[in-house]
Amino acid sequence: MLLAVAFLLAAGLYALSSGSAGIPLGKIVPIFREGRGSPEFTILLEIRLPRILLGFAIGGALSLAGVILQGMFRNPLVEPYTLGISGGAALGAALCIVSGINRLFPDFAMPLFGFLGAFVVILPLYLTNIRRGSLNTDGLLLTGVMISFISSSLVTLILALSRSEHLQSIVFWIMGSLEEPSWALILIVAFVSLLCLALSYLFSLDMNALSLGEEEAAHLGIDVEKTKKVLFLLAAALTGISVSVAGIIGFVGLVVPHFTRMIAGYDHRTLLILSFITGAGFLIFCDTLARTIISPVELPVGVITGILGGSLFVYALGKRLRAGQTGVS
């Protein structure tokens, strides 16, 4: 736990001090105390701090959604975007850009359309896989994958038919960005993320039992169907709010839970909180790299999470395979 908190604090300090206008770590606290009105104070308070807080909320939300879904499906390769929710949000955002509504309401149009697109996916995804009060997890996964393919094809169609000035906006949004967040959106995402963390923690023992199998969990007195429904809704809310605000940021919900599980074990009472904290630090670190690595040009943060997260996942998978071969021999 202390290591995860230290990583989060280090990522936050690195993000505050790094940028086109570098600010030494030793000057950050004095600037906040006495530098009101100075350029450095404006940079810290209005540019870097909002991105750090949004990165904390979204990184934690995606990692938490990953832990919930991996525990629910008992599959470490499941991630928040597997259910097709991100595809629905991307389709909603693309329609918002093409229609020009994002220019009329620049602060809230994109997140609103993204969330509506995610909700349009969540509702039929849930309804088509609920039978006599039982949620079919296998059908949920397969339906989500198909919806993801369909929505990706529709987004590609919109890209092919849209004008050139819309292409960059759609592509940049799809690849994920924490650029220029409003404080209202930050507060909404942070509230939803922390609320879902608290609610999911209430089901941590149920998730431990569910990881043994549905029949075993039922024998232990767990209401399996209620647990699956609550976990699905929590993961859907976390994914929907994250994608609608920041776009599609890949690998956070896959890699962070995987690494946290390797280090901290399978007890969800620890895993949920550690994954949230580690995911928050990981996204803050990746966002700092995205805006500084080829400064003054800013990369979409999804590019960095894809490269770094994918590389880490391949390394972890190779290490696990080698350990398995050593154990067999």
C-alpha atoms as a PDB file:
ATOM      1  CA  MET A   1       0.000   0.000   0.000  1.00  0.00           C
ATOM      2  CA  LEU A   2       2.779   2.433   0.931  1.00  0.00           C
ATOM      3  CA  LEU A   3       4.609   1.679  -2.312  1.00  0.00           C
ATOM      4  CA  ALA A   4       1.486   2.448  -4.360  1.00  0.00           C
ATOM      5  CA  VAL A   5       0.898   5.735  -2.508  1.00  0.00           C
ATOM      6  CA  ALA A   6       4.569   6.690  -2.968  1.00  0.00           C
ATOM      7  CA  PHE A   7       4.274   5.974  -6.707  1.00  0.00           C
ATOM      8  CA  LEU A   8       1.150   8.145  -6.933  1.00  0.00           C
ATOM      9  CA  LEU A   9       2.810  11.047  -5.088  1.00  0.00           C
ATOM     10  CA  ALA A  10       5.961  10.764  -7.207  1.00  0.00           C
ATOM     11  CA  ALA A  11       3.892  10.789 -10.408  1.00  0.00           C
ATOM     12  CA  GLY A  12       1.968  13.834  -9.192  1.00  0.00           C
ATOM     13  CA  LEU A  13       5.114  15.792  -8.299  1.00  0.00           C
ATOM     14  CA  TYR A  14       6.710  14.821 -11.606  1.00  0.00           C
ATOM     15  CA  ALA A  15       3.631  16.092 -13.448  1.00  0.00           C
ATOM     16  CA  LEU A  16       3.596  19.384 -11.512  1.00  0.00           C
ATOM     17  CA  SER A  17       7.262  20.127 -12.188  1.00  0.00           C
ATOM     18  CA  SER A  18       7.489  18.961 -15.823  1.00  0.00           C
ATOM     19  CA  GLY A  19       6.483  20.835 -18.940  1.00  0.00           C
ATOM     20  CA  SER A  20       7.606  23.487 -21.390  1.00  0.00           C
ATOM     21  CA  ALA A  21       8.025  25.777 -18.370  1.00  0.00           C
ATOM     22  CA  GLY A  22       9.939  23.622 -15.912  1.00  0.00           C
ATOM     23  CA  ILE A  23       9.316  24.355 -12.228  1.00  0.00           C
ATOM     24  CA  PRO A  24      11.770  22.951  -9.639  1.00  0.00           C
ATOM     25  CA  LEU A  25      10.194  20.713  -7.011  1.00  0.00           C
ATOM     26  CA  GLY A  26      11.478  22.928  -4.213  1.00  0.00           C
ATOM     27  CA  LYS A  27       9.528  25.921  -5.532  1.00  0.00           C
ATOM     28  CA  ILE A  28       6.126  24.248  -5.903  1.00  0.00           C
ATOM     29  CA  VAL A  29       4.957  24.721  -2.295  1.00  0.00           C
ATOM     30  CA  PRO A  30       6.200  28.367  -2.056  1.00  0.00           C
ATOM     31  CA  ILE A  31       4.438  29.156  -5.345  1.00  0.00           C
ATOM     32  CA  PHE A  32       1.138  27.801  -4.027  1.00  0.00           C
ATOM     33  CA  ARG A  33       1.585  29.745  -0.772  1.00  0.00           C
ATOM     34  CA  GLU A  34       2.888  33.101  -1.970  1.00  0.00           C
ATOM     35  CA  GLY A  35       2.897  33.120  -5.763  1.00  0.00           C
ATOM     36  CA  ARG A  36      -0.729  34.039  -6.458  1.00  0.00           C
ATOM     37  CA  GLY A  37      -0.883  36.042  -9.688  1.00  0.00           C
ATOM     38  CA  SER A  38       2.492  34.851 -10.977  1.00  0.00           C
ATOM     39  CA  PRO A  39       2.824  32.918 -14.273  1.00  0.00           C
ATOM     40  CA  GLU A  40       4.072  29.853 -12.386  1.00  0.00           C
ATOM     41  CA  PHE A  41       1.003  29.886 -10.125  1.00  0.00           C
ATOM     42  CA  THR A  42      -1.287  30.048 -13.160  1.00  0.00           C
ATOM     43  CA  ILE A  43       0.550  27.161 -14.837  1.00  0.00           C
ATOM     44  CA  LEU A  44       0.314  24.981 -11.735  1.00  0.00           C
ATOM     45  CA  LEU A  45      -3.263  25.761 -10.725  1.00  0.00           C
ATOM     46  CA  GLU A  46      -5.006  26.169 -14.077  1.00  0.00           C
ATOM     47  CA  ILE A  47      -3.079  23.824 -16.386  1.00  0.00           C
ATOM     48  CA  ARG A  48      -1.203  21.067 -14.571  1.00  0.00           C
ATOM     49  CA  LEU A  49      -3.231  20.459 -11.402  1.00  0.00           C
ATOM     50  CA  PRO A  50      -6.556  19.889 -13.244  1.00  0.00           C
ATOM     51  CA  ARG A  51      -4.889  17.301 -15.497  1.00  0.00           C
ATOM     52  CA  ILE A  52      -3.378  15.544 -12.486  1.00  0.00           C
ATOM     53  CA  LEU A  53      -6.733  15.354 -10.707  1.00  0.00           C
ATOM     54  CA  LEU A  54      -8.498  14.127 -13.853  1.00  0.00           C
ATOM     55  CA  GLY A  55      -5.726  11.579 -14.426  1.00  0.00           C
ATOM     56  CA  PHE A  56      -6.142  10.411 -10.826  1.00  0.00           C
ATOM     57  CA  ALA A  57      -9.889   9.916 -11.241  1.00  0.00           C
ATOM     58  CA  ILE A  58      -9.837   8.299 -14.689  1.00  0.00           C
ATOM     59  CA  GLY A  59      -6.751   6.153 -14.107  1.00  0.00           C
ATOM     60  CA  GLY A  60      -8.257   4.881 -10.878  1.00  0.00           C
ATOM     61  CA  ALA A  61     -11.653   4.318 -12.508  1.00  0.00           C
ATOM     62  CA  LEU A  62     -10.288   2.303 -15.438  1.00  0.00           C
ATOM     63  CA  SER A  63      -8.089   0.170 -13.178  1.00  0.00           C
ATOM     64  CA  LEU A  64     -10.968  -0.443 -10.786  1.00  0.00           C
ATOM     65  CA  ALA A  65     -13.248  -1.418 -13.678  1.00  0.00           C
ATOM     66  CA  GLY A  66     -10.561  -3.824 -14.878  1.00  0.00           C
ATOM     67  CA  VAL A  67     -10.300  -5.519 -11.480  1.00  0.00           C
ATOM     68  CA  ILE A  68     -14.083  -5.835 -11.211  1.00  0.00           C
ATOM     69  CA  LEU A  69     -14.511  -7.334 -14.682  1.00  0.00           C
ATOM     70  CA  GLN A  70     -11.539  -9.686 -14.376  1.00  0.00           C
ATOM     71  CA  GLY A  71     -12.930 -10.955 -11.091  1.00  0.00           C
ATOM     72  CA  MET A  72     -16.448 -11.212 -12.452  1.00  0.00           C
ATOM     73  CA  PHE A  73     -15.440 -13.141 -15.590  1.00  0.00           C
ATOM     74  CA  ARG A  74     -12.541 -14.937 -13.861  1.00  0.00           C
ATOM     75  CA  ASN A  75     -10.372 -13.947 -16.826  1.00  0.00           C
ATOM     76  CA  PRO A  76      -7.235 -11.761 -16.426  1.00  0.00           C
ATOM     77  CA  LEU A  77      -7.418 -10.694 -20.093  1.00  0.00           C
ATOM     78  CA  VAL A  78     -10.776  -8.931 -19.790  1.00  0.00           C
ATOM     79  CA  GLU A  79     -10.586  -5.131 -19.664  1.00  0.00           C
ATOM     80  CA  PRO A  80     -13.154  -2.299 -19.480  1.00  0.00           C
ATOM     81  CA  TYR A  81     -13.302  -1.889 -23.256  1.00  0.00           C
ATOM     82  CA  THR A  82     -14.062  -5.565 -23.911  1.00  0.00           C
ATOM     83  CA  LEU A  83     -17.784  -4.983 -23.351  1.00  0.00           C
ATOM     84  CA  GLY A  84     -18.063  -2.496 -26.222  1.00  0.00           C
ATOM     85  CA  ILE A  85     -18.901   0.455 -23.971  1.00  0.00           C
ATOM     86  CA  SER A  86     -15.961   2.461 -25.304  1.00  0.00           C
ATOM     87  CA  GLY A  87     -17.129   1.867 -28.875  1.00  0.00           C
ATOM     88  CA  GLY A  88     -20.530   3.326 -28.070  1.00  0.00           C
ATOM     89  CA  ALA A  89     -18.929   6.362 -26.436  1.00  0.00           C
ATOM     90  CA  ALA A  90     -16.624   6.847 -29.439  1.00  0.00           C
ATOM     91  CA  LEU A  91     -19.598   6.707 -31.794  1.00  0.00           C
ATOM     92  CA  GLY A  92     -21.448   9.306 -29.729  1.00  0.00           C
ATOM     93  CA  ALA A  93     -18.417  11.600 -29.663  1.00  0.00           C
ATOM     94  CA  ALA A  94     -17.883  11.230 -33.422  1.00  0.00           C
ATOM     95  CA  LEU A  95     -21.510  12.191 -34.099  1.00  0.00           C
ATOM     96  CA  CYS A  96     -21.116  15.186 -31.783  1.00  0.00           C
ATOM     97  CA  ILE A  97     -18.066  16.425 -33.705  1.00  0.00           C
ATOM     98  CA  VAL A  98     -19.544  15.859 -37.167  1.00  0.00           C
ATOM     99  CA  SER A  99     -22.801  17.601 -36.235  1.00  0.00           C
ATOM    100  CA  GLY A 100     -20.912  20.611 -34.859  1.00  0.00           C
ATOM    101  CA  ILE A 101     -22.660  20.494 -31.487  1.00  0.00           C
ATOM    102  CA  ASN A 102     -19.281  20.409 -29.719  1.00  0.00           C
ATOM    103  CA  ARG A 103     -18.653  23.971 -30.962  1.00  0.00           C
ATOM    104  CA  LEU A 104     -21.911  25.237 -29.456  1.00  0.00           C
ATOM    105  CA  PHE A 105     -21.263  23.675 -26.037  1.00  0.00           C
ATOM    106  CA  PRO A 106     -17.488  23.064 -25.905  1.00  0.00           C
ATOM    107  CA  ASP A 107     -17.291  22.048 -22.239  1.00  0.00           C
ATOM    108  CA  PHE A 108     -20.085  19.497 -21.966  1.00  0.00           C
ATOM    109  CA  ALA A 109     -21.218  18.412 -25.443  1.00  0.00           C
ATOM    110  CA  MET A 110     -18.510  15.793 -26.019  1.00  0.00           C
ATOM    111  CA  PRO A 111     -18.750  14.164 -22.570  1.00  0.00           C
ATOM    112  CA  LEU A 112     -22.558  14.187 -22.777  1.00  0.00           C
ATOM    113  CA  PHE A 113     -22.675  12.564 -26.222  1.00  0.00           C
ATOM    114  CA  GLY A 114     -19.959  10.114 -25.199  1.00  0.00           C
ATOM    115  CA  PHE A 115     -21.885   9.090 -22.102  1.00  0.00           C
ATOM    116  CA  LEU A 116     -25.132   8.770 -24.072  1.00  0.00           C
ATOM    117  CA  GLY A 117     -23.326   6.561 -26.586  1.00  0.00           C
ATOM    118  CA  ALA A 118     -21.989   4.420 -23.755  1.00  0.00           C
ATOM    119  CA  PHE A 119     -25.458   4.188 -22.191  1.00  0.00           C
ATOM    120  CA  VAL A 120     -26.982   3.127 -25.526  1.00  0.00           C
ATOM    121  CA  VAL A 121     -24.570   0.168 -25.444  1.00  0.00           C
ATOM    122  CA  ILE A 122     -24.950  -0.650 -21.740  1.00  0.00           C
ATOM    123  CA  LEU A 123     -28.742  -0.940 -21.799  1.00  0.00           C
ATOM    124  CA  PRO A 124     -29.159  -3.514 -24.620  1.00  0.00           C
ATOM    125  CA  LEU A 125     -26.011  -5.300 -23.468  1.00  0.00           C
ATOM    126  CA  TYR A 126     -27.620  -5.865 -20.082  1.00  0.00           C
ATOM    127  CA  LEU A 127     -31.147  -6.596 -21.314  1.00  0.00           C
ATOM    128  CA  THR A 128     -30.121  -9.139 -23.951  1.00  0.00           C
ATOM    129  CA  ASN A 129     -28.142 -11.179 -21.431  1.00  0.00           C
ATOM    130  CA  ILE A 130     -30.571 -11.257 -18.533  1.00  0.00           C
ATOM    131  CA  ARG A 131     -32.834 -14.299 -18.445  1.00  0.00           C
ATOM    132  CA  ARG A 132     -35.206 -15.050 -15.541  1.00  0.00           C
ATOM    133  CA  GLY A 133     -33.171 -12.851 -13.255  1.00  0.00           C
ATOM    134  CA  SER A 134     -29.864 -14.514 -14.188  1.00  0.00           C
ATOM    135  CA  LEU A 135     -27.065 -12.570 -15.901  1.00  0.00           C
ATOM    136  CA  ASN A 136     -25.261 -14.659 -18.538  1.00  0.00           C
ATOM    137  CA  THR A 137     -21.603 -13.627 -18.295  1.00  0.00           C
ATOM    138  CA  ASP A 138     -20.518 -15.628 -21.349  1.00  0.00           C
ATOM    139  CA  GLY A 139     -23.194 -13.990 -23.470  1.00  0.00           C
ATOM    140  CA  LEU A 140     -22.282 -10.616 -21.976  1.00  0.00           C
ATOM    141  CA  LEU A 141     -18.692 -10.986 -23.123  1.00  0.00           C
ATOM    142  CA  LEU A 142     -19.550 -12.199 -26.629  1.00  0.00           C
ATOM    143  CA  THR A 143     -22.223  -9.541 -27.136  1.00  0.00           C
ATOM    144  CA  GLY A 144     -19.811  -6.857 -25.957  1.00  0.00           C
ATOM    145  CA  VAL A 145     -17.147  -7.935 -28.424  1.00  0.00           C
ATOM    146  CA  MET A 146     -19.661  -7.889 -31.297  1.00  0.00           C
ATOM    147  CA  ILE A 147     -20.971  -4.456 -30.291  1.00  0.00           C
ATOM    148  CA  SER A 148     -17.385  -3.221 -30.189  1.00  0.00           C
ATOM    149  CA  PHE A 149     -16.810  -4.400 -33.768  1.00  0.00           C
ATOM    150  CA  ILE A 150     -20.055  -2.817 -34.984  1.00  0.00           C
ATOM    151  CA  SER A 151     -19.419   0.548 -33.318  1.00  0.00           C
ATOM    152  CA  SER A 152     -15.811   0.607 -34.563  1.00  0.00           C
ATOM    153  CA  SER A 153     -17.070   0.031 -38.102  1.00  0.00           C
ATOM    154  CA  LEU A 154     -19.588   2.863 -37.752  1.00  0.00           C
ATOM    155  CA  VAL A 155     -16.890   5.220 -36.448  1.00  0.00           C
ATOM    156  CA  THR A 156     -14.694   4.253 -39.403  1.00  0.00           C
ATOM    157  CA  LEU A 157     -17.616   5.034 -41.734  1.00  0.00           C
ATOM    158  CA  ILE A 158     -18.025   8.458 -40.133  1.00  0.00           C
ATOM    159  CA  LEU A 159     -14.288   9.099 -40.535  1.00  0.00           C
ATOM    160  CA  ALA A 160     -14.466   8.142 -44.206  1.00  0.00           C
ATOM    161  CA  LEU A 161     -17.415  10.461 -44.886  1.00  0.00           C
ATOM    162  CA  SER A 162     -16.481  13.412 -42.665  1.00  0.00           C
ATOM    163  CA  ARG A 163     -14.678  16.547 -43.749  1.00  0.00           C
ATOM    164  CA  SER A 164     -10.973  17.022 -43.118  1.00  0.00           C
ATOM    165  CA  GLU A 165     -11.431  19.505 -40.253  1.00  0.00           C
ATOM    166  CA  HIS A 166     -13.357  16.866 -38.307  1.00  0.00           C
ATOM    167  CA  LEU A 167     -10.893  14.035 -38.836  1.00  0.00           C
ATOM    168  CA  GLN A 168      -8.193  15.243 -36.445  1.00  0.00           C
ATOM    169  CA  SER A 169     -10.701  15.987 -33.674  1.00  0.00           C
ATOM    170  CA  ILE A 170     -12.297  12.546 -33.923  1.00  0.00           C
ATOM    171  CA  VAL A 171      -8.980  10.683 -34.120  1.00  0.00           C
ATOM    172  CA  PHE A 172      -7.441  12.682 -31.251  1.00  0.00           C
ATOM    173  CA  TRP A 173     -10.487  12.029 -29.058  1.00  0.00           C
ATOM    174  CA  ILE A 174     -10.512   8.323 -29.864  1.00  0.00           C
ATOM    175  CA  MET A 175      -6.837   8.044 -28.877  1.00  0.00           C
ATOM    176  CA  GLY A 176      -7.525   9.633 -25.479  1.00  0.00           C
ATOM    177  CA  SER A 177      -6.542  12.946 -23.932  1.00  0.00           C
ATOM    178  CA  LEU A 178      -6.677  14.761 -20.586  1.00  0.00           C
ATOM    179  CA  GLU A 179      -6.265  18.152 -22.253  1.00  0.00           C
ATOM    180  CA  GLU A 180      -8.095  21.225 -20.913  1.00  0.00           C
ATOM    181  CA  PRO A 181     -10.539  19.601 -18.480  1.00  0.00           C
ATOM    182  CA  SER A 182     -13.159  21.739 -16.739  1.00  0.00           C
ATOM    183  CA  TRP A 183     -13.380  21.676 -12.959  1.00  0.00           C
ATOM    184  CA  ALA A 184     -17.019  20.581 -13.140  1.00  0.00           C
ATOM    185  CA  LEU A 185     -16.110  17.475 -15.146  1.00  0.00           C
ATOM    186  CA  ILE A 186     -13.193  16.726 -12.826  1.00  0.00           C
ATOM    187  CA  LEU A 187     -15.482  16.817  -9.791  1.00  0.00           C
ATOM    188  CA  ILE A 188     -18.084  14.600 -11.489  1.00  0.00           C
ATOM    189  CA  VAL A 189     -15.543  11.971 -12.558  1.00  0.00           C
ATOM    190  CA  ALA A 190     -13.805  12.027  -9.166  1.00  0.00           C
ATOM    191  CA  PHE A 191     -17.121  11.633  -7.322  1.00  0.00           C
ATOM    192  CA  VAL A 192     -18.255   8.710  -9.503  1.00  0.00           C
ATOM    193  CA  SER A 193     -14.855   7.003  -9.272  1.00  0.00           C
ATOM    194  CA  LEU A 194     -14.575   7.236  -5.492  1.00  0.00           C
ATOM    195  CA  LEU A 195     -18.230   6.272  -4.992  1.00  0.00           C
ATOM    196  CA  CYS A 196     -17.780   3.168  -7.160  1.00  0.00           C
ATOM    197  CA  LEU A 197     -14.593   2.327  -5.248  1.00  0.00           C
ATOM    198  CA  ALA A 198     -16.493   2.455  -1.955  1.00  0.00           C
ATOM    199  CA  LEU A 199     -19.401   0.397  -3.321  1.00  0.00           C
ATOM    200  CA  SER A 200     -17.149  -2.209  -4.912  1.00  0.00           C
ATOM    201  CA  TYR A 201     -15.229  -2.581  -1.648  1.00  0.00           C
ATOM    202  CA  LEU A 202     -18.493  -3.599   0.025  1.00  0.00           C
ATOM    203  CA  PHE A 203     -18.548  -6.557  -2.382  1.00  0.00           C
ATOM    204  CA  SER A 204     -14.860  -7.451  -2.001  1.00  0.00           C
ATOM    205  CA  LEU A 205     -15.547 -10.645  -0.038  1.00  0.00           C
ATOM    206  CA  ASP A 206     -18.243 -11.608  -2.540  1.00  0.00           C
ATOM    207  CA  MET A 207     -15.697 -11.136  -5.338  1.00  0.00           C
ATOM    208  CA  ASN A 208     -13.233 -13.362  -3.485  1.00  0.00           C
ATOM    209  CA  ALA A 209     -15.879 -16.069  -3.331  1.00  0.00           C
ATOM    210  CA  LEU A 210     -16.922 -15.510  -6.956  1.00  0.00           C
ATOM    211  CA  SER A 211     -13.333 -16.040  -8.104  1.00  0.00           C
ATOM    212  CA  LEU A 212     -13.680 -19.672  -6.957  1.00  0.00           C
ATOM    213  CA  GLY A 213     -16.613 -20.198  -9.315  1.00  0.00           C
ATOM    214  CA  GLU A 214     -20.316 -19.381  -9.251  1.00  0.00           C
ATOM    215  CA  GLU A 215     -21.374 -22.701  -7.710  1.00  0.00           C
ATOM    216  CA  GLU A 216     -18.730 -22.485  -4.994  1.00  0.00           C
ATOM    217  CA  ALA A 217     -19.736 -18.891  -4.233  1.00  0.00           C
ATOM    218  CA  ALA A 218     -23.400 -19.911  -3.965  1.00  0.00           C
ATOM    219  CA  HIS A 219     -22.451 -22.695  -1.537  1.00  0.00           C
ATOM    220  CA  LEU A 220     -20.693 -20.072   0.592  1.00  0.00           C
ATOM    221  CA  GLY A 221     -23.950 -18.136   0.870  1.00  0.00           C
ATOM    222  CA  ILE A 222     -23.230 -15.459  -1.743  1.00  0.00           C
ATOM    223  CA  ASP A 223     -26.139 -14.089  -3.786  1.00  0.00           C
ATOM    224  CA  VAL A 224     -24.302 -14.673  -7.070  1.00  0.00           C
ATOM    225  CA  GLU A 225     -26.807 -13.024  -9.421  1.00  0.00           C
ATOM    226  CA  LYS A 226     -27.120  -9.897  -7.299  1.00  0.00           C
ATOM    227  CA  THR A 227     -23.330  -9.638  -7.078  1.00  0.00           C
ATOM    228  CA  LYS A 228     -22.864 -10.043 -10.843  1.00  0.00           C
ATOM    229  CA  LYS A 229     -25.482  -7.386 -11.619  1.00  0.00           C
ATOM    230  CA  VAL A 230     -24.007  -4.871  -9.185  1.00  0.00           C
ATOM    231  CA  LEU A 231     -20.462  -5.495 -10.422  1.00  0.00           C
ATOM    232  CA  PHE A 232     -21.522  -5.114 -14.059  1.00  0.00           C
ATOM    233  CA  LEU A 233     -23.289  -1.819 -13.351  1.00  0.00           C
ATOM    234  CA  LEU A 234     -20.295  -0.497 -11.393  1.00  0.00           C
ATOM    235  CA  ALA A 235     -17.846  -1.436 -14.161  1.00  0.00           C
ATOM    236  CA  ALA A 236     -20.161   0.036 -16.797  1.00  0.00           C
ATOM    237  CA  ALA A 237     -20.498   3.321 -14.888  1.00  0.00           C
ATOM    238  CA  LEU A 238     -16.730   3.589 -14.376  1.00  0.00           C
ATOM    239  CA  THR A 239     -15.976   2.859 -18.026  1.00  0.00           C
ATOM    240  CA  GLY A 240     -18.750   5.063 -19.377  1.00  0.00           C
ATOM    241  CA  ILE A 241     -17.804   8.139 -17.345  1.00  0.00           C
ATOM    242  CA  SER A 242     -14.089   7.715 -18.101  1.00  0.00           C
ATOM    243  CA  VAL A 243     -14.440   7.250 -21.853  1.00  0.00           C
ATOM    244  CA  SER A 244     -17.023  10.013 -22.221  1.00  0.00           C
ATOM    245  CA  VAL A 245     -14.667  12.567 -20.641  1.00  0.00           C
ATOM    246  CA  ALA A 246     -11.189  11.489 -21.797  1.00  0.00           C
ATOM    247  CA  GLY A 247     -11.707   9.223 -24.809  1.00  0.00           C
ATOM    248  CA  ILE A 248     -10.345   5.719 -25.206  1.00  0.00           C
ATOM    249  CA  ILE A 249      -7.240   5.237 -23.055  1.00  0.00           C
ATOM    250  CA  GLY A 250      -6.150   1.665 -23.543  1.00  0.00           C
ATOM    251  CA  PHE A 251      -4.284  -0.853 -21.397  1.00  0.00           C
ATOM    252  CA  VAL A 252      -4.775   0.927 -18.050  1.00  0.00           C
ATOM    253  CA  GLY A 253      -7.639  -1.381 -17.113  1.00  0.00           C
ATOM    254  CA  LEU A 254      -5.719  -4.444 -18.302  1.00  0.00           C
ATOM    255  CA  VAL A 255      -2.105  -3.955 -17.238  1.00  0.00           C
ATOM    256  CA  VAL A 256      -2.516  -2.272 -13.846  1.00  0.00           C
ATOM    257  CA  PRO A 257      -4.824  -4.936 -12.312  1.00  0.00           C
ATOM    258  CA  HIS A 258      -2.580  -7.652 -13.752  1.00  0.00           C
ATOM    259  CA  PHE A 259       0.593  -6.219 -12.178  1.00  0.00           C
ATOM    260  CA  THR A 260      -1.132  -5.375  -8.910  1.00  0.00           C
ATOM    261  CA  ARG A 261      -2.429  -8.933  -8.660  1.00  0.00           C
ATOM    262  CA  MET A 262       1.077 -10.301  -9.283  1.00  0.00           C
ATOM    263  CA  ILE A 263       2.484  -8.195  -6.434  1.00  0.00           C
ATOM    264  CA  ALA A 264      -0.343  -7.996  -3.883  1.00  0.00           C
ATOM    265  CA  GLY A 265      -2.188 -11.259  -4.446  1.00  0.00           C
ATOM    266  CA  TYR A 266      -5.824 -12.076  -5.179  1.00  0.00           C
ATOM    267  CA  ASP A 267      -7.603 -10.707  -2.106  1.00  0.00           C
ATOM    268  CA  HIS A 268      -9.991  -8.060  -3.465  1.00  0.00           C
ATOM    269  CA  ARG A 269     -10.023  -6.208  -0.145  1.00  0.00           C
ATOM    270  CA  THR A 270      -6.473  -5.141  -0.993  1.00  0.00           C
ATOM    271  CA  LEU A 271      -6.572  -5.476  -4.764  1.00  0.00           C
ATOM    272  CA  LEU A 272      -9.371  -2.953  -5.358  1.00  0.00           C
ATOM    273  CA  ILE A 273      -7.700  -0.105  -3.464  1.00  0.00           C
ATOM    274  CA  LEU A 274      -4.165  -0.815  -4.682  1.00  0.00           C
ATOM    275  CA  SER A 275      -5.286  -1.030  -8.305  1.00  0.00           C
ATOM    276  CA  PHE A 276      -7.129   2.281  -8.004  1.00  0.00           C
ATOM    277  CA  ILE A 277      -4.086   4.063  -6.559  1.00  0.00           C
ATOM    278  CA  THR A 278      -1.605   2.449  -8.960  1.00  0.00           C
ATOM    279  CA  GLY A 279      -3.823   3.114 -11.979  1.00  0.00           C
ATOM    280  CA  ALA A 280      -4.131   6.762 -10.974  1.00  0.00           C
ATOM    281  CA  GLY A 281      -0.349   7.127 -10.707  1.00  0.00           C
ATOM    282  CA  PHE A 282       0.226   5.250 -13.967  1.00  0.00           C
ATOM    283  CA  LEU A 283      -2.105   7.498 -15.980  1.00  0.00           C
ATOM    284  CA  ILE A 284      -0.685  10.690 -14.431  1.00  0.00           C
ATOM    285  CA  PHE A 285       2.822   9.528 -15.358  1.00  0.00           C
ATOM    286  CA  CYS A 286       1.780   8.606 -18.916  1.00  0.00           C
ATOM    287  CA  ASP A 287      -0.018  11.929 -19.392  1.00  0.00           C
ATOM    288  CA  THR A 288       3.111  13.804 -18.312  1.00  0.00           C
ATOM    289  CA  LEU A 289       5.144  11.876 -20.880  1.00  0.00           C
ATOM    290  CA  ALA A 290       2.498  12.576 -23.526  1.00  0.00           C
ATOM    291  CA  ARG A 291       2.769  16.349 -23.095  1.00  0.00           C
ATOM    292  CA  THR A 292       6.541  16.575 -22.616  1.00  0.00           C
ATOM    293  CA  ILE A 293       8.232  13.849 -24.658  1.00  0.00           C
ATOM    294  CA  ILE A 294       8.174  15.873 -27.909  1.00  0.00           C
ATOM    295  CA  SER A 295       7.239  19.262 -26.423  1.00  0.00           C
ATOM    296  CA  PRO A 296       5.679  21.611 -27.525  1.00  0.00           C
ATOM    297  CA  VAL A 297       3.680  19.002 -29.488  1.00  0.00           C
ATOM    298  CA  GLU A 298       1.333  16.987 -27.271  1.00  0.00           C
ATOM    299  CA  LEU A 299       0.677  13.328 -27.975  1.00  0.00           C
ATOM    300  CA  PRO A 300      -2.619  11.612 -27.156  1.00  0.00           C
ATOM    301  CA  VAL A 301      -2.133   9.888 -23.817  1.00  0.00           C
ATOM    302  CA  GLY A 302      -3.575   6.686 -25.291  1.00  0.00           C
ATOM    303  CA  VAL A 303      -0.454   6.405 -27.450  1.00  0.00           C
ATOM    304  CA  ILE A 304       1.779   6.357 -24.367  1.00  0.00           C
ATOM    305  CA  THR A 305      -0.413   3.969 -22.376  1.00  0.00           C
ATOM    306  CA  GLY A 306      -0.592   1.647 -25.381  1.00  0.00           C
ATOM    307  CA  ILE A 307       3.171   1.552 -25.924  1.00  0.00           C
ATOM    308  CA  LEU A 308       4.181   1.452 -22.264  1.00  0.00           C
ATOM    309  CA  GLY A 309       1.304  -0.694 -21.038  1.00  0.00           C
ATOM    310  CA  GLY A 310       1.579  -3.149 -23.913  1.00  0.00           C
ATOM    311  CA  SER A 311       5.320  -3.532 -23.393  1.00  0.00           C
ATOM    312  CA  LEU A 312       4.878  -4.113 -19.667  1.00  0.00           C
ATOM    313  CA  PHE A 313       2.153  -6.672 -20.289  1.00  0.00           C
ATOM    314  CA  VAL A 314       4.290  -8.619 -22.777  1.00  0.00           C
ATOM    315  CA  TYR A 315       7.175  -8.560 -20.265  1.00  0.00           C
ATOM    316  CA  ALA A 316       4.937  -9.797 -17.435  1.00  0.00           C
ATOM    317  CA  LEU A 317       3.440 -12.509 -19.625  1.00  0.00           C
ATOM    318  CA  GLY A 318       6.879 -13.703 -20.731  1.00  0.00           C
ATOM    319  CA  LYS A 319       8.097 -13.740 -17.138  1.00  0.00           C
ATOM    320  CA  ARG A 320       5.087 -15.788 -16.047  1.00  0.00           C
ATOM    321  CA  LEU A 321       5.571 -18.277 -18.896  1.00  0.00           C
ATOM    322  CA  ARG A 322       9.258 -18.682 -18.059  1.00  0.00           C
ATOM    323  CA  ALA A 323       8.398 -19.202 -14.393  1.00  0.00           C
ATOM    324  CA  GLY A 324       5.846 -21.841 -15.391  1.00  0.00           C
ATOM    325  CA  GLN A 325       8.376 -23.673 -17.546  1.00  0.00           C
ATOM    326  CA  THR A 326      10.903 -23.584 -14.720  1.00  0.00           C
ATOM    327  CA  GLY A 327       8.308 -24.980 -12.326  1.00  0.00           C
ATOM    328  CA  VAL A 328       7.429 -27.809 -14.725  1.00  0.00           C
ATOM    329  CA  SER A 329      11.047 -28.767 -15.255  1.00  0.00           C
END
